[in-house]
Amino acid sequence: MPDTITFKIKRQDSESSGSYWETFVIPHVPNSNVISCLMDIQANPENSKGEKVAPVVWECNCLEEVCGSCTMVINRKVRQSCSALVDQLEKPITLEPMSKFPVIRDLAVDRSRMFGALKKVQAWVTADGYHDLGPGIREPQNHQEIAYKLSECMTCGCCVEACPQYSLNNNFLGAAAISQSRLFNMHPTAKNIADERLDTLMQEGGIADCGNAQNCVEACPKSIPLTESIAEIGRQVSGKLWSNIFQA
């Protein structure tokens, strides 16, 4: 095993400044992940030229591929940096921020657009008061299995980073929001506003803007069946469209 590991990191000092590459060489620690290496760089922010520089900025929280905050582009592939083991990566290791979101600084990006998309499709369970409504509807096993898998979405951004239709210059909602629409349209209570969600998905930036590249399902770290969700929501939107025509 090598004694050191080289990282080439794409940096940006502020939201408005230009980007540049900086190289760091750190001691190799077996079985370490990208996050632990970034912590080593942060503890001693010295580049390969021996110059003291500002510590690299990135986001992380859970360190167990649950929160979704540590997403970045590693060796030209979007993924979670907490589960990226350096011993399994091609060297030198390149780290870049996601390109589909505004860069805040270095590897940290602003994913507000993804959360805004969830607001647009009302990806929540509506509640009419907090009084006792009695036992809920018993859901069949196959329904539970689908819903549980869809609920694993952590809004990490991998699906939209890999999507050729999603860019900084359009308003496509993306696969995550479409899949969450499917989840809440399945929910015994949340489905009460399913028509409102479908109306939103029929507008510009909705389901019709999906080009069916299927990159999203390949990039998803939780293996969520995103293409199945897109197909199912497409079916629901088509049904809603015909319903609107005949009710007009």
C-alpha atoms as a PDB file:
ATOM      1  CA  MET A   1       0.000   0.000   0.000  1.00  0.00           C
ATOM      2  CA  PRO A   2       1.208   3.568  -0.690  1.00  0.00           C
ATOM      3  CA  ASP A   3       2.511   5.710   2.156  1.00  0.00           C
ATOM      4  CA  THR A   4       0.586   8.763   0.966  1.00  0.00           C
ATOM      5  CA  ILE A   5      -2.609   9.633  -0.930  1.00  0.00           C
ATOM      6  CA  THR A   6      -2.940  12.534  -3.348  1.00  0.00           C
ATOM      7  CA  PHE A   7      -6.173  14.520  -3.561  1.00  0.00           C
ATOM      8  CA  LYS A   8      -6.933  17.008  -6.317  1.00  0.00           C
ATOM      9  CA  ILE A   9      -9.728  19.232  -5.030  1.00  0.00           C
ATOM     10  CA  LYS A  10     -11.716  21.759  -7.040  1.00  0.00           C
ATOM     11  CA  ARG A  11     -11.993  24.811  -4.808  1.00  0.00           C
ATOM     12  CA  GLN A  12     -13.968  28.043  -4.824  1.00  0.00           C
ATOM     13  CA  ASP A  13     -13.444  30.723  -2.202  1.00  0.00           C
ATOM     14  CA  SER A  14     -16.927  32.263  -2.379  1.00  0.00           C
ATOM     15  CA  GLU A  15     -20.208  32.067  -4.276  1.00  0.00           C
ATOM     16  CA  SER A  16     -19.087  34.688  -6.777  1.00  0.00           C
ATOM     17  CA  SER A  17     -15.404  33.823  -7.212  1.00  0.00           C
ATOM     18  CA  GLY A  18     -13.899  31.536  -9.824  1.00  0.00           C
ATOM     19  CA  SER A  19     -12.876  27.947  -9.209  1.00  0.00           C
ATOM     20  CA  TYR A  20      -9.362  26.494  -9.157  1.00  0.00           C
ATOM     21  CA  TRP A  21      -7.681  23.173  -8.441  1.00  0.00           C
ATOM     22  CA  GLU A  22      -5.486  22.520  -5.433  1.00  0.00           C
ATOM     23  CA  THR A  23      -3.519  19.370  -4.635  1.00  0.00           C
ATOM     24  CA  PHE A  24      -3.010  17.849  -1.185  1.00  0.00           C
ATOM     25  CA  VAL A  25      -0.857  14.912  -0.177  1.00  0.00           C
ATOM     26  CA  ILE A  26      -1.659  13.212   3.129  1.00  0.00           C
ATOM     27  CA  PRO A  27      -0.476  10.025   4.886  1.00  0.00           C
ATOM     28  CA  HIS A  28      -2.351   6.918   3.843  1.00  0.00           C
ATOM     29  CA  VAL A  29      -4.543   5.336   6.510  1.00  0.00           C
ATOM     30  CA  PRO A  30      -5.966   1.930   5.517  1.00  0.00           C
ATOM     31  CA  ASN A  31      -9.762   1.656   5.281  1.00  0.00           C
ATOM     32  CA  SER A  32     -10.274   5.417   5.586  1.00  0.00           C
ATOM     33  CA  ASN A  33     -13.056   7.171   3.715  1.00  0.00           C
ATOM     34  CA  VAL A  34     -13.000  10.478   1.847  1.00  0.00           C
ATOM     35  CA  ILE A  35     -14.509  12.349   4.806  1.00  0.00           C
ATOM     36  CA  SER A  36     -11.766  11.224   7.196  1.00  0.00           C
ATOM     37  CA  CYS A  37      -9.164  12.324   4.652  1.00  0.00           C
ATOM     38  CA  LEU A  38     -10.812  15.731   4.354  1.00  0.00           C
ATOM     39  CA  MET A  39     -10.657  15.959   8.140  1.00  0.00           C
ATOM     40  CA  ASP A  40      -6.917  15.232   7.990  1.00  0.00           C
ATOM     41  CA  ILE A  41      -6.503  18.006   5.405  1.00  0.00           C
ATOM     42  CA  GLN A  42      -8.573  20.356   7.573  1.00  0.00           C
ATOM     43  CA  ALA A  43      -6.371  19.626  10.609  1.00  0.00           C
ATOM     44  CA  ASN A  44      -3.265  20.586   8.627  1.00  0.00           C
ATOM     45  CA  PRO A  45      -4.307  22.639   5.561  1.00  0.00           C
ATOM     46  CA  GLU A  46      -1.057  22.535   3.638  1.00  0.00           C
ATOM     47  CA  ASN A  47      -1.069  21.928  -0.101  1.00  0.00           C
ATOM     48  CA  SER A  48       1.407  19.835  -2.077  1.00  0.00           C
ATOM     49  CA  LYS A  49       3.637  22.896  -2.542  1.00  0.00           C
ATOM     50  CA  GLY A  50       4.051  23.209   1.220  1.00  0.00           C
ATOM     51  CA  GLU A  51       1.894  26.362   1.358  1.00  0.00           C
ATOM     52  CA  LYS A  52      -0.495  26.975   4.248  1.00  0.00           C
ATOM     53  CA  VAL A  53      -3.979  27.499   2.781  1.00  0.00           C
ATOM     54  CA  ALA A  54      -7.536  27.936   4.003  1.00  0.00           C
ATOM     55  CA  PRO A  55      -9.103  24.648   5.162  1.00  0.00           C
ATOM     56  CA  VAL A  56     -11.260  22.870   2.589  1.00  0.00           C
ATOM     57  CA  VAL A  57     -14.995  23.314   3.164  1.00  0.00           C
ATOM     58  CA  TRP A  58     -17.464  20.463   2.732  1.00  0.00           C
ATOM     59  CA  GLU A  59     -20.677  19.207   4.330  1.00  0.00           C
ATOM     60  CA  CYS A  60     -21.270  16.042   6.329  1.00  0.00           C
ATOM     61  CA  ASN A  61     -23.386  14.886   9.226  1.00  0.00           C
ATOM     62  CA  CYS A  62     -24.382  11.266   9.831  1.00  0.00           C
ATOM     63  CA  LEU A  63     -21.328   9.569   8.228  1.00  0.00           C
ATOM     64  CA  GLU A  64     -23.450   6.478   7.505  1.00  0.00           C
ATOM     65  CA  GLU A  65     -25.115   7.308   4.163  1.00  0.00           C
ATOM     66  CA  VAL A  66     -28.397   8.463   5.678  1.00  0.00           C
ATOM     67  CA  CYS A  67     -28.402  12.281   5.778  1.00  0.00           C
ATOM     68  CA  GLY A  68     -27.340  12.897   2.167  1.00  0.00           C
ATOM     69  CA  SER A  69     -25.356  16.039   2.959  1.00  0.00           C
ATOM     70  CA  CYS A  70     -21.877  14.795   1.971  1.00  0.00           C
ATOM     71  CA  THR A  71     -22.636  14.288  -1.721  1.00  0.00           C
ATOM     72  CA  MET A  72     -19.852  15.333  -4.080  1.00  0.00           C
ATOM     73  CA  VAL A  73     -18.307  14.284  -7.374  1.00  0.00           C
ATOM     74  CA  ILE A  74     -15.509  11.809  -6.678  1.00  0.00           C
ATOM     75  CA  ASN A  75     -13.361  10.754  -9.626  1.00  0.00           C
ATOM     76  CA  ARG A  76     -16.017  12.208 -11.979  1.00  0.00           C
ATOM     77  CA  LYS A  77     -18.826  10.188 -10.378  1.00  0.00           C
ATOM     78  CA  VAL A  78     -21.420  11.648  -8.004  1.00  0.00           C
ATOM     79  CA  ARG A  79     -21.681   9.725  -4.738  1.00  0.00           C
ATOM     80  CA  GLN A  80     -21.648   9.956  -0.959  1.00  0.00           C
ATOM     81  CA  SER A  81     -18.180  10.741   0.351  1.00  0.00           C
ATOM     82  CA  CYS A  82     -18.813   9.000   3.684  1.00  0.00           C
ATOM     83  CA  SER A  83     -19.123   5.615   1.962  1.00  0.00           C
ATOM     84  CA  ALA A  84     -16.303   6.218  -0.543  1.00  0.00           C
ATOM     85  CA  LEU A  85     -13.332   4.210   0.740  1.00  0.00           C
ATOM     86  CA  VAL A  86     -10.018   5.567  -0.544  1.00  0.00           C
ATOM     87  CA  ASP A  87      -8.500   2.101  -0.943  1.00  0.00           C
ATOM     88  CA  GLN A  88     -11.152   1.351  -3.569  1.00  0.00           C
ATOM     89  CA  LEU A  89     -10.698   4.576  -5.552  1.00  0.00           C
ATOM     90  CA  GLU A  90      -8.449   5.330  -8.495  1.00  0.00           C
ATOM     91  CA  LYS A  91      -5.488   7.536  -7.576  1.00  0.00           C
ATOM     92  CA  PRO A  92      -5.027  10.457  -7.522  1.00  0.00           C
ATOM     93  CA  ILE A  93      -8.486  11.098  -6.109  1.00  0.00           C
ATOM     94  CA  THR A  94     -10.332  14.096  -7.555  1.00  0.00           C
ATOM     95  CA  LEU A  95     -13.042  15.843  -5.553  1.00  0.00           C
ATOM     96  CA  GLU A  96     -15.490  18.337  -7.092  1.00  0.00           C
ATOM     97  CA  PRO A  97     -18.704  19.974  -5.905  1.00  0.00           C
ATOM     98  CA  MET A  98     -21.943  18.980  -7.609  1.00  0.00           C
ATOM     99  CA  SER A  99     -22.407  20.992 -10.804  1.00  0.00           C
ATOM    100  CA  LYS A 100     -26.218  21.266 -10.732  1.00  0.00           C
ATOM    101  CA  PHE A 101     -26.354  23.493  -7.637  1.00  0.00           C
ATOM    102  CA  PRO A 102     -24.826  26.881  -6.753  1.00  0.00           C
ATOM    103  CA  VAL A 103     -21.476  26.490  -5.001  1.00  0.00           C
ATOM    104  CA  ILE A 104     -21.290  28.084  -1.564  1.00  0.00           C
ATOM    105  CA  ARG A 105     -17.607  27.356  -1.035  1.00  0.00           C
ATOM    106  CA  ASP A 106     -15.272  24.582  -2.148  1.00  0.00           C
ATOM    107  CA  LEU A 107     -17.252  21.315  -2.021  1.00  0.00           C
ATOM    108  CA  ALA A 108     -20.328  22.733  -0.255  1.00  0.00           C
ATOM    109  CA  VAL A 109     -23.329  23.523  -2.464  1.00  0.00           C
ATOM    110  CA  ASP A 110     -26.796  24.998  -1.942  1.00  0.00           C
ATOM    111  CA  ARG A 111     -29.412  22.245  -2.435  1.00  0.00           C
ATOM    112  CA  SER A 112     -32.364  24.526  -1.639  1.00  0.00           C
ATOM    113  CA  ARG A 113     -33.839  23.856  -5.069  1.00  0.00           C
ATOM    114  CA  MET A 114     -34.403  20.203  -4.190  1.00  0.00           C
ATOM    115  CA  PHE A 115     -36.258  21.089  -1.000  1.00  0.00           C
ATOM    116  CA  GLY A 116     -38.213  23.707  -2.916  1.00  0.00           C
ATOM    117  CA  ALA A 117     -39.305  20.978  -5.343  1.00  0.00           C
ATOM    118  CA  LEU A 118     -40.641  18.931  -2.419  1.00  0.00           C
ATOM    119  CA  LYS A 119     -42.660  21.958  -1.330  1.00  0.00           C
ATOM    120  CA  LYS A 120     -44.085  22.364  -4.828  1.00  0.00           C
ATOM    121  CA  VAL A 121     -45.391  18.791  -4.900  1.00  0.00           C
ATOM    122  CA  GLN A 122     -46.517  19.013  -1.250  1.00  0.00           C
ATOM    123  CA  ALA A 123     -44.463  15.997  -0.218  1.00  0.00           C
ATOM    124  CA  TRP A 124     -45.976  15.670   3.238  1.00  0.00           C
ATOM    125  CA  VAL A 125     -48.921  14.139   5.058  1.00  0.00           C
ATOM    126  CA  THR A 126     -51.743  16.616   5.531  1.00  0.00           C
ATOM    127  CA  ALA A 127     -53.342  16.600   8.973  1.00  0.00           C
ATOM    128  CA  ASP A 128     -56.788  17.985   9.838  1.00  0.00           C
ATOM    129  CA  GLY A 129     -56.336  18.617  13.537  1.00  0.00           C
ATOM    130  CA  TYR A 130     -54.835  16.294  16.116  1.00  0.00           C
ATOM    131  CA  HIS A 131     -57.979  14.644  17.471  1.00  0.00           C
ATOM    132  CA  ASP A 132     -58.232  10.861  17.680  1.00  0.00           C
ATOM    133  CA  LEU A 133     -59.277   9.535  14.292  1.00  0.00           C
ATOM    134  CA  GLY A 134     -59.107   5.900  15.313  1.00  0.00           C
ATOM    135  CA  PRO A 135     -56.910   3.216  13.779  1.00  0.00           C
ATOM    136  CA  GLY A 136     -55.454   3.883  10.347  1.00  0.00           C
ATOM    137  CA  ILE A 137     -56.052   1.881   7.216  1.00  0.00           C
ATOM    138  CA  ARG A 138     -54.348  -1.510   7.177  1.00  0.00           C
ATOM    139  CA  GLU A 139     -51.912  -1.477   4.283  1.00  0.00           C
ATOM    140  CA  PRO A 140     -51.078  -4.664   2.357  1.00  0.00           C
ATOM    141  CA  GLN A 141     -47.533  -6.028   2.581  1.00  0.00           C
ATOM    142  CA  ASN A 142     -46.602  -5.246  -1.026  1.00  0.00           C
ATOM    143  CA  HIS A 143     -47.759  -1.651  -0.522  1.00  0.00           C
ATOM    144  CA  GLN A 144     -45.602  -1.326   2.601  1.00  0.00           C
ATOM    145  CA  GLU A 145     -42.543  -2.673   0.816  1.00  0.00           C
ATOM    146  CA  ILE A 146     -42.831  -0.150  -2.030  1.00  0.00           C
ATOM    147  CA  ALA A 147     -43.514   2.778   0.309  1.00  0.00           C
ATOM    148  CA  TYR A 148     -40.623   1.886   2.615  1.00  0.00           C
ATOM    149  CA  LYS A 149     -38.143   1.812  -0.251  1.00  0.00           C
ATOM    150  CA  LEU A 150     -39.372   5.171  -1.577  1.00  0.00           C
ATOM    151  CA  SER A 151     -39.142   6.663   1.922  1.00  0.00           C
ATOM    152  CA  GLU A 152     -35.383   6.022   2.012  1.00  0.00           C
ATOM    153  CA  CYS A 153     -34.765   9.069  -0.205  1.00  0.00           C
ATOM    154  CA  MET A 154     -32.388  11.444   1.608  1.00  0.00           C
ATOM    155  CA  THR A 155     -32.543  14.322  -0.913  1.00  0.00           C
ATOM    156  CA  CYS A 156     -28.811  13.888  -1.468  1.00  0.00           C
ATOM    157  CA  GLY A 157     -28.849  15.180  -5.044  1.00  0.00           C
ATOM    158  CA  CYS A 158     -27.153  12.245  -6.766  1.00  0.00           C
ATOM    159  CA  CYS A 159     -30.125  11.627  -9.056  1.00  0.00           C
ATOM    160  CA  VAL A 160     -30.365  15.204 -10.297  1.00  0.00           C
ATOM    161  CA  GLU A 161     -26.587  15.602 -10.633  1.00  0.00           C
ATOM    162  CA  ALA A 162     -26.590  12.611 -12.982  1.00  0.00           C
ATOM    163  CA  CYS A 163     -29.678  13.815 -14.876  1.00  0.00           C
ATOM    164  CA  PRO A 164     -29.013  15.471 -18.273  1.00  0.00           C
ATOM    165  CA  GLN A 165     -32.394  17.247 -18.101  1.00  0.00           C
ATOM    166  CA  TYR A 166     -31.667  18.931 -14.744  1.00  0.00           C
ATOM    167  CA  SER A 167     -29.560  22.081 -14.954  1.00  0.00           C
ATOM    168  CA  LEU A 168     -28.949  25.410 -13.275  1.00  0.00           C
ATOM    169  CA  ASN A 169     -30.870  27.129 -16.066  1.00  0.00           C
ATOM    170  CA  ASN A 170     -34.200  25.261 -15.997  1.00  0.00           C
ATOM    171  CA  ASN A 171     -36.933  24.443 -13.492  1.00  0.00           C
ATOM    172  CA  PHE A 172     -37.212  20.657 -13.853  1.00  0.00           C
ATOM    173  CA  LEU A 173     -38.306  19.215 -10.500  1.00  0.00           C
ATOM    174  CA  GLY A 174     -36.140  16.106 -10.845  1.00  0.00           C
ATOM    175  CA  ALA A 175     -36.517  12.414 -10.063  1.00  0.00           C
ATOM    176  CA  ALA A 176     -36.453  12.760  -6.267  1.00  0.00           C
ATOM    177  CA  ALA A 177     -39.505  15.039  -6.142  1.00  0.00           C
ATOM    178  CA  ILE A 178     -41.374  12.873  -8.664  1.00  0.00           C
ATOM    179  CA  SER A 179     -40.649   9.743  -6.635  1.00  0.00           C
ATOM    180  CA  GLN A 180     -41.756  11.431  -3.407  1.00  0.00           C
ATOM    181  CA  SER A 181     -44.988  12.415  -5.148  1.00  0.00           C
ATOM    182  CA  ARG A 182     -45.583   8.735  -5.791  1.00  0.00           C
ATOM    183  CA  LEU A 183     -44.870   7.927  -2.137  1.00  0.00           C
ATOM    184  CA  PHE A 184     -47.354  10.452  -0.764  1.00  0.00           C
ATOM    185  CA  ASN A 185     -49.970   9.658  -3.403  1.00  0.00           C
ATOM    186  CA  MET A 186     -49.858   6.124  -1.978  1.00  0.00           C
ATOM    187  CA  HIS A 187     -50.303   7.255   1.626  1.00  0.00           C
ATOM    188  CA  PRO A 188     -53.789   6.666   3.083  1.00  0.00           C
ATOM    189  CA  THR A 189     -54.025  10.277   4.300  1.00  0.00           C
ATOM    190  CA  ALA A 190     -51.630  12.177   2.032  1.00  0.00           C
ATOM    191  CA  LYS A 191     -53.394  10.887  -1.089  1.00  0.00           C
ATOM    192  CA  ASN A 192     -56.250  13.267  -0.266  1.00  0.00           C
ATOM    193  CA  ILE A 193     -54.352  15.963  -2.200  1.00  0.00           C
ATOM    194  CA  ALA A 194     -52.995  13.634  -4.896  1.00  0.00           C
ATOM    195  CA  ASP A 195     -54.802  15.653  -7.591  1.00  0.00           C
ATOM    196  CA  GLU A 196     -52.970  18.823  -6.494  1.00  0.00           C
ATOM    197  CA  ARG A 197     -49.634  17.061  -6.763  1.00  0.00           C
ATOM    198  CA  LEU A 198     -50.504  15.777 -10.224  1.00  0.00           C
ATOM    199  CA  ASP A 199     -51.593  19.253 -11.311  1.00  0.00           C
ATOM    200  CA  THR A 200     -48.145  20.533 -10.285  1.00  0.00           C
ATOM    201  CA  LEU A 201     -46.415  17.714 -12.154  1.00  0.00           C
ATOM    202  CA  MET A 202     -48.403  18.567 -15.294  1.00  0.00           C
ATOM    203  CA  GLN A 203     -46.921  22.061 -15.375  1.00  0.00           C
ATOM    204  CA  GLU A 204     -43.610  23.251 -16.803  1.00  0.00           C
ATOM    205  CA  GLY A 205     -40.743  21.507 -15.053  1.00  0.00           C
ATOM    206  CA  GLY A 206     -42.893  18.489 -14.280  1.00  0.00           C
ATOM    207  CA  ILE A 207     -43.056  14.927 -15.540  1.00  0.00           C
ATOM    208  CA  ALA A 208     -43.088  15.916 -19.235  1.00  0.00           C
ATOM    209  CA  ASP A 209     -39.582  17.396 -18.878  1.00  0.00           C
ATOM    210  CA  CYS A 210     -38.113  13.996 -17.992  1.00  0.00           C
ATOM    211  CA  GLY A 211     -36.132  12.634 -20.941  1.00  0.00           C
ATOM    212  CA  ASN A 212     -36.056   9.068 -19.534  1.00  0.00           C
ATOM    213  CA  ALA A 213     -32.251   8.925 -19.585  1.00  0.00           C
ATOM    214  CA  GLN A 214     -32.432   6.629 -16.517  1.00  0.00           C
ATOM    215  CA  ASN A 215     -29.160   7.995 -15.135  1.00  0.00           C
ATOM    216  CA  CYS A 216     -30.981   8.779 -11.891  1.00  0.00           C
ATOM    217  CA  VAL A 217     -31.665   5.186 -10.926  1.00  0.00           C
ATOM    218  CA  GLU A 218     -28.035   4.257 -11.661  1.00  0.00           C
ATOM    219  CA  ALA A 219     -26.703   7.076  -9.461  1.00  0.00           C
ATOM    220  CA  CYS A 220     -29.064   6.634  -6.480  1.00  0.00           C
ATOM    221  CA  PRO A 221     -27.033   5.411  -3.473  1.00  0.00           C
ATOM    222  CA  LYS A 222     -30.170   3.919  -1.870  1.00  0.00           C
ATOM    223  CA  SER A 223     -31.191   1.954  -5.006  1.00  0.00           C
ATOM    224  CA  ILE A 224     -34.624   3.598  -5.039  1.00  0.00           C
ATOM    225  CA  PRO A 225     -36.656   2.521  -8.107  1.00  0.00           C
ATOM    226  CA  LEU A 226     -36.793   6.042  -9.530  1.00  0.00           C
ATOM    227  CA  THR A 227     -37.635   5.008 -13.079  1.00  0.00           C
ATOM    228  CA  GLU A 228     -40.565   2.954 -11.766  1.00  0.00           C
ATOM    229  CA  SER A 229     -41.765   6.037  -9.883  1.00  0.00           C
ATOM    230  CA  ILE A 230     -41.450   8.199 -12.994  1.00  0.00           C
ATOM    231  CA  ALA A 231     -43.442   5.646 -15.009  1.00  0.00           C
ATOM    232  CA  GLU A 232     -46.125   5.391 -12.316  1.00  0.00           C
ATOM    233  CA  ILE A 233     -46.479   9.159 -11.965  1.00  0.00           C
ATOM    234  CA  GLY A 234     -46.628   9.411 -15.757  1.00  0.00           C
ATOM    235  CA  ARG A 235     -49.556   6.993 -15.703  1.00  0.00           C
ATOM    236  CA  GLN A 236     -51.282   8.988 -12.956  1.00  0.00           C
ATOM    237  CA  VAL A 237     -50.738  12.272 -14.779  1.00  0.00           C
ATOM    238  CA  SER A 238     -52.167  10.797 -17.982  1.00  0.00           C
ATOM    239  CA  GLY A 239     -55.236   9.648 -16.092  1.00  0.00           C
ATOM    240  CA  LYS A 240     -55.629  13.075 -14.509  1.00  0.00           C
ATOM    241  CA  LEU A 241     -55.293  14.747 -17.908  1.00  0.00           C
ATOM    242  CA  TRP A 242     -58.094  12.653 -19.429  1.00  0.00           C
ATOM    243  CA  SER A 243     -60.209  13.247 -16.348  1.00  0.00           C
ATOM    244  CA  ASN A 244     -59.746  16.990 -16.725  1.00  0.00           C
ATOM    245  CA  ILE A 245     -60.755  16.800 -20.396  1.00  0.00           C
ATOM    246  CA  PHE A 246     -63.973  14.881 -19.772  1.00  0.00           C
ATOM    247  CA  GLN A 247     -64.902  17.046 -16.782  1.00  0.00           C
ATOM    248  CA  ALA A 248     -64.418  20.286 -18.730  1.00  0.00           C
END
